[in-house]
Structures are given as C-alpha cells and as structure tokens.
Amino acid sequence: MNDKIKIEIQHFRGCPNSPEMIHRVKEAIKGSEEKIEYNEVLVESNELAEKLKFRGSPTVLINGEDIEGREEPESASLNCRVYENGLPSTDEIRKKILSVN
C-alpha cells in the first residue's frame, strides 16, 4: 500500500516564478522526503498543456489537487499563472501538504 503524498510541480522554461516555487516546495518537504513522492513536469507544448489541463506555470498539485483549489480549465495553454496573494510561502505549502494526512 502506497501512502506517500504525491507532489507535482507543472511548469515551463522561462516562467519567472517557477524556480522560486520549486525552491519553496523543496524547502517545505525537507525532512519528510520518505513520505513524499516528488515530481516536476516540464510542460513544453500546448498539446501537453491541454492533456494535463494545465492551470499555468507554476502549478503545484498535492495528490492531484491544485494547491489553491483551482479547477481544471476547459482549454489549457502555455501561460504563466498568477497567484492572487503572490506565490504561497514555504510555510503555507507545508501546511497544505500536512493537511492531507
């Protein structure tokens, strides 16, 4: 039985917020790596964006659910994601991850 929490970051090269979001997520999971399955997905085409129902770069999914609860778009494309209150902090990310346990 696999009880690991699955964390996926979807992003594309050139997105100015991707490196910072990746850093924050990695900081948030430090010390819990044995309980977490971490994956980065590089979205490089509109076709892949459509297949993944890409919400914009960077998107963090925890067990397949968007970190902010954003729904899958009807039509997806390569675009940057705007977070209403800015990128989630490391602590906010950690709390979201812990809330799935």
N, C-alpha and C. Protein backbone atom coordinates (compact mmCIF):
# COMPACT_ATOMS: atom_id res chain seq x y z
N MET A 1 0.84 -1.18 0.00
CA MET A 1 0.00 0.00 0.00
C MET A 1 0.88 1.25 0.00
N ASN A 2 0.61 2.17 -0.90
CA ASN A 2 1.43 3.37 -1.02
C ASN A 2 0.71 4.56 -0.37
N ASP A 3 1.20 4.97 0.79
CA ASP A 3 0.60 6.09 1.50
C ASP A 3 1.37 7.38 1.29
N LYS A 4 2.23 7.40 0.29
CA LYS A 4 3.03 8.60 0.05
C LYS A 4 2.15 9.72 -0.49
N ILE A 5 2.48 10.93 -0.10
CA ILE A 5 1.81 12.11 -0.63
C ILE A 5 2.49 12.44 -1.95
N LYS A 6 1.70 12.62 -2.99
CA LYS A 6 2.25 12.91 -4.31
C LYS A 6 2.21 14.41 -4.56
N ILE A 7 3.39 14.96 -4.80
CA ILE A 7 3.51 16.39 -5.09
C ILE A 7 4.08 16.53 -6.49
N GLU A 8 3.38 17.30 -7.30
CA GLU A 8 3.81 17.52 -8.67
C GLU A 8 3.83 19.02 -8.95
N ILE A 9 4.92 19.47 -9.52
CA ILE A 9 5.02 20.86 -9.96
C ILE A 9 5.03 20.85 -11.48
N GLN A 10 4.06 21.53 -12.08
CA GLN A 10 3.99 21.67 -13.53
C GLN A 10 4.45 23.08 -13.87
N HIS A 11 5.38 23.18 -14.82
CA HIS A 11 5.92 24.48 -15.18
C HIS A 11 6.52 24.43 -16.58
N PHE A 12 6.88 25.60 -17.09
CA PHE A 12 7.62 25.64 -18.34
C PHE A 12 8.84 26.53 -18.19
N ARG A 13 9.84 26.28 -19.02
CA ARG A 13 11.08 27.07 -19.00
C ARG A 13 10.74 28.51 -19.34
N GLY A 14 11.37 29.42 -18.64
CA GLY A 14 11.17 30.83 -18.92
C GLY A 14 10.13 31.48 -18.03
N CYS A 15 9.37 30.69 -17.28
CA CYS A 15 8.41 31.26 -16.36
C CYS A 15 9.18 31.84 -15.18
N PRO A 16 9.04 33.14 -14.90
CA PRO A 16 9.85 33.76 -13.85
C PRO A 16 9.57 33.24 -12.44
N ASN A 17 8.38 32.67 -12.20
CA ASN A 17 8.04 32.20 -10.85
C ASN A 17 8.37 30.73 -10.60
N SER A 18 8.68 29.99 -11.66
CA SER A 18 8.93 28.55 -11.48
C SER A 18 10.11 28.24 -10.57
N PRO A 19 11.29 28.83 -10.77
CA PRO A 19 12.40 28.47 -9.89
C PRO A 19 12.10 28.74 -8.41
N GLU A 20 11.44 29.85 -8.12
CA GLU A 20 11.12 30.17 -6.72
C GLU A 20 10.10 29.20 -6.15
N MET A 21 9.10 28.83 -6.93
CA MET A 21 8.10 27.88 -6.44
C MET A 21 8.73 26.52 -6.20
N ILE A 22 9.58 26.07 -7.11
CA ILE A 22 10.27 24.80 -6.93
C ILE A 22 11.10 24.83 -5.65
N HIS A 23 11.82 25.92 -5.43
CA HIS A 23 12.62 26.08 -4.21
C HIS A 23 11.73 25.99 -2.97
N ARG A 24 10.62 26.71 -2.97
CA ARG A 24 9.73 26.73 -1.80
C ARG A 24 9.14 25.35 -1.51
N VAL A 25 8.75 24.64 -2.55
CA VAL A 25 8.19 23.31 -2.35
C VAL A 25 9.26 22.37 -1.79
N LYS A 26 10.46 22.42 -2.33
CA LYS A 26 11.55 21.57 -1.83
C LYS A 26 11.87 21.89 -0.38
N GLU A 27 11.85 23.17 -0.01
CA GLU A 27 12.05 23.56 1.39
C GLU A 27 10.92 23.03 2.26
N ALA A 28 9.70 23.10 1.76
CA ALA A 28 8.53 22.67 2.53
C ALA A 28 8.54 21.16 2.82
N ILE A 29 9.13 20.37 1.93
CA ILE A 29 9.11 18.92 2.13
C ILE A 29 10.37 18.39 2.81
N LYS A 30 11.34 19.27 3.08
CA LYS A 30 12.56 18.81 3.76
C LYS A 30 12.21 18.11 5.06
N GLY A 31 12.83 16.96 5.26
CA GLY A 31 12.60 16.18 6.47
C GLY A 31 11.43 15.21 6.34
N SER A 32 10.67 15.32 5.28
CA SER A 32 9.51 14.43 5.07
C SER A 32 9.63 13.64 3.78
N GLU A 33 10.82 13.63 3.20
CA GLU A 33 11.01 13.01 1.89
C GLU A 33 10.56 11.56 1.82
N GLU A 34 10.67 10.82 2.93
CA GLU A 34 10.27 9.41 2.90
C GLU A 34 8.76 9.25 2.76
N LYS A 35 8.00 10.30 3.06
CA LYS A 35 6.54 10.24 2.97
C LYS A 35 6.02 10.89 1.70
N ILE A 36 6.94 11.40 0.87
CA ILE A 36 6.52 12.20 -0.29
C ILE A 36 7.11 11.67 -1.58
N GLU A 37 6.28 11.64 -2.59
CA GLU A 37 6.71 11.32 -3.95
C GLU A 37 6.68 12.65 -4.72
N TYR A 38 7.87 13.16 -5.05
CA TYR A 38 8.00 14.49 -5.67
C TYR A 38 8.31 14.35 -7.15
N ASN A 39 7.64 15.17 -7.97
CA ASN A 39 7.85 15.10 -9.40
C ASN A 39 7.71 16.49 -10.01
N GLU A 40 8.58 16.81 -10.95
CA GLU A 40 8.48 18.04 -11.72
C GLU A 40 8.11 17.67 -13.15
N VAL A 41 7.13 18.37 -13.70
CA VAL A 41 6.70 18.11 -15.07
C VAL A 41 6.95 19.37 -15.89
N LEU A 42 7.80 19.24 -16.88
CA LEU A 42 8.10 20.35 -17.78
C LEU A 42 7.07 20.33 -18.91
N VAL A 43 6.26 21.37 -18.95
CA VAL A 43 5.21 21.47 -19.96
C VAL A 43 5.79 22.29 -21.11
N GLU A 44 6.04 21.62 -22.23
CA GLU A 44 6.76 22.27 -23.33
C GLU A 44 5.93 22.50 -24.59
N SER A 45 4.66 22.10 -24.55
CA SER A 45 3.84 22.29 -25.74
C SER A 45 2.38 22.54 -25.33
N ASN A 46 1.65 23.19 -26.22
CA ASN A 46 0.22 23.40 -25.97
C ASN A 46 -0.52 22.06 -25.92
N GLU A 47 -0.03 21.08 -26.66
CA GLU A 47 -0.65 19.76 -26.64
C GLU A 47 -0.53 19.12 -25.25
N LEU A 48 0.66 19.21 -24.65
CA LEU A 48 0.84 18.65 -23.31
C LEU A 48 0.05 19.48 -22.29
N ALA A 49 0.02 20.79 -22.46
CA ALA A 49 -0.77 21.65 -21.57
C ALA A 49 -2.23 21.22 -21.61
N GLU A 50 -2.74 20.95 -22.79
CA GLU A 50 -4.13 20.52 -22.95
C GLU A 50 -4.34 19.16 -22.29
N LYS A 51 -3.42 18.23 -22.51
CA LYS A 51 -3.53 16.88 -21.93
C LYS A 51 -3.54 16.93 -20.40
N LEU A 52 -2.69 17.79 -19.82
CA LEU A 52 -2.58 17.89 -18.36
C LEU A 52 -3.63 18.80 -17.74
N LYS A 53 -4.42 19.50 -18.58
CA LYS A 53 -5.35 20.52 -18.09
C LYS A 53 -4.57 21.54 -17.26
N PHE A 54 -3.48 22.00 -17.86
CA PHE A 54 -2.51 22.90 -17.23
C PHE A 54 -3.16 24.20 -16.77
N ARG A 55 -2.96 24.52 -15.51
CA ARG A 55 -3.55 25.72 -14.91
C ARG A 55 -2.62 26.93 -15.01
N GLY A 56 -1.46 26.74 -15.58
CA GLY A 56 -0.48 27.81 -15.70
C GLY A 56 0.77 27.49 -14.91
N SER A 57 1.83 28.18 -15.26
CA SER A 57 3.14 27.92 -14.65
C SER A 57 3.47 28.96 -13.60
N PRO A 58 3.86 28.48 -12.42
CA PRO A 58 3.95 27.11 -11.93
C PRO A 58 2.66 26.68 -11.23
N THR A 59 2.32 25.41 -11.37
CA THR A 59 1.18 24.83 -10.68
C THR A 59 1.70 23.73 -9.76
N VAL A 60 1.21 23.71 -8.53
CA VAL A 60 1.56 22.67 -7.57
C VAL A 60 0.31 21.83 -7.32
N LEU A 61 0.45 20.53 -7.53
CA LEU A 61 -0.63 19.59 -7.26
C LEU A 61 -0.22 18.71 -6.09
N ILE A 62 -1.12 18.55 -5.15
CA ILE A 62 -0.90 17.66 -4.00
C ILE A 62 -1.94 16.56 -4.11
N ASN A 63 -1.46 15.34 -4.36
CA ASN A 63 -2.35 14.20 -4.62
C ASN A 63 -3.35 14.54 -5.72
N GLY A 64 -2.88 15.25 -6.74
CA GLY A 64 -3.69 15.58 -7.89
C GLY A 64 -4.58 16.80 -7.74
N GLU A 65 -4.61 17.38 -6.55
CA GLU A 65 -5.45 18.54 -6.29
C GLU A 65 -4.60 19.81 -6.32
N ASP A 66 -5.12 20.84 -6.95
CA ASP A 66 -4.42 22.11 -7.02
C ASP A 66 -4.24 22.71 -5.63
N ILE A 67 -3.08 23.29 -5.37
CA ILE A 67 -2.76 23.84 -4.05
C ILE A 67 -3.73 24.94 -3.62
N GLU A 68 -4.31 25.65 -4.58
CA GLU A 68 -5.28 26.69 -4.26
C GLU A 68 -6.72 26.27 -4.55
N GLY A 69 -6.90 25.03 -4.97
CA GLY A 69 -8.23 24.55 -5.28
C GLY A 69 -8.75 25.01 -6.63
N ARG A 70 -7.85 25.51 -7.46
CA ARG A 70 -8.26 25.97 -8.80
C ARG A 70 -8.71 24.78 -9.64
N GLU A 71 -9.84 24.95 -10.29
CA GLU A 71 -10.39 23.89 -11.16
C GLU A 71 -9.57 23.76 -12.43
N GLU A 72 -9.68 22.59 -13.07
CA GLU A 72 -9.04 22.38 -14.36
C GLU A 72 -9.73 23.28 -15.39
N PRO A 73 -8.95 23.92 -16.26
CA PRO A 73 -9.55 24.77 -17.27
C PRO A 73 -10.18 23.93 -18.39
N GLU A 74 -11.17 24.51 -19.06
CA GLU A 74 -11.76 23.81 -20.21
C GLU A 74 -10.78 23.76 -21.35
N SER A 75 -10.00 24.83 -21.50
CA SER A 75 -8.99 24.91 -22.54
C SER A 75 -7.69 25.38 -21.89
N ALA A 76 -6.63 24.63 -22.11
CA ALA A 76 -5.35 24.95 -21.47
C ALA A 76 -4.32 25.34 -22.51
N SER A 77 -3.37 26.18 -22.08
CA SER A 77 -2.27 26.57 -22.96
C SER A 77 -1.08 26.95 -22.10
N LEU A 78 0.03 27.22 -22.76
CA LEU A 78 1.24 27.62 -22.05
C LEU A 78 1.10 29.08 -21.63
N ASN A 79 0.86 29.28 -20.35
CA ASN A 79 0.82 30.65 -19.84
C ASN A 79 1.27 30.67 -18.39
N CYS A 80 1.65 31.84 -17.96
CA CYS A 80 2.08 32.00 -16.57
C CYS A 80 0.84 32.04 -15.68
N ARG A 81 1.00 31.55 -14.49
CA ARG A 81 -0.08 31.55 -13.52
C ARG A 81 0.11 32.72 -12.57
N VAL A 82 -0.99 33.37 -12.27
CA VAL A 82 -0.97 34.47 -11.31
C VAL A 82 -1.63 33.99 -10.03
N TYR A 83 -0.93 34.09 -8.93
CA TYR A 83 -1.47 33.75 -7.62
C TYR A 83 -1.99 35.04 -6.99
N GLU A 84 -3.26 35.05 -6.62
CA GLU A 84 -3.91 36.26 -6.10
C GLU A 84 -3.12 36.95 -5.01
N ASN A 85 -2.59 36.18 -4.07
CA ASN A 85 -1.83 36.75 -2.95
C ASN A 85 -0.34 36.52 -3.10
N GLY A 86 0.13 36.35 -4.32
CA GLY A 86 1.53 36.04 -4.55
C GLY A 86 1.77 34.55 -4.38
N LEU A 87 2.98 34.12 -4.68
CA LEU A 87 3.31 32.69 -4.52
C LEU A 87 3.10 32.27 -3.07
N PRO A 88 2.56 31.07 -2.85
CA PRO A 88 2.43 30.59 -1.48
C PRO A 88 3.81 30.50 -0.81
N SER A 89 3.85 30.84 0.46
CA SER A 89 5.12 30.76 1.20
C SER A 89 5.46 29.30 1.49
N THR A 90 6.68 29.07 1.90
CA THR A 90 7.11 27.73 2.27
C THR A 90 6.22 27.18 3.37
N ASP A 91 5.90 28.00 4.38
CA ASP A 91 5.03 27.56 5.47
C ASP A 91 3.63 27.23 4.99
N GLU A 92 3.08 28.03 4.08
CA GLU A 92 1.75 27.76 3.54
C GLU A 92 1.74 26.44 2.78
N ILE A 93 2.79 26.21 2.02
CA ILE A 93 2.90 24.95 1.26
C ILE A 93 2.98 23.78 2.23
N ARG A 94 3.82 23.90 3.25
CA ARG A 94 3.98 22.82 4.25
C ARG A 94 2.64 22.50 4.90
N LYS A 95 1.90 23.54 5.30
CA LYS A 95 0.59 23.34 5.95
C LYS A 95 -0.38 22.61 5.03
N LYS A 96 -0.37 22.98 3.75
CA LYS A 96 -1.26 22.31 2.78
C LYS A 96 -0.88 20.84 2.66
N ILE A 97 0.39 20.55 2.61
CA ILE A 97 0.85 19.16 2.49
C ILE A 97 0.44 18.36 3.73
N LEU A 98 0.66 18.94 4.91
CA LEU A 98 0.33 18.25 6.16
C LEU A 98 -1.17 18.06 6.32
N SER A 99 -1.97 18.92 5.70
CA SER A 99 -3.43 18.83 5.86
C SER A 99 -4.02 17.63 5.12
N VAL A 100 -3.26 17.01 4.22
CA VAL A 100 -3.77 15.85 3.50
C VAL A 100 -3.59 14.56 4.29
N ASN A 101 -2.84 14.62 5.36
CA ASN A 101 -2.61 13.40 6.19
C ASN A 101 -3.82 13.10 7.04
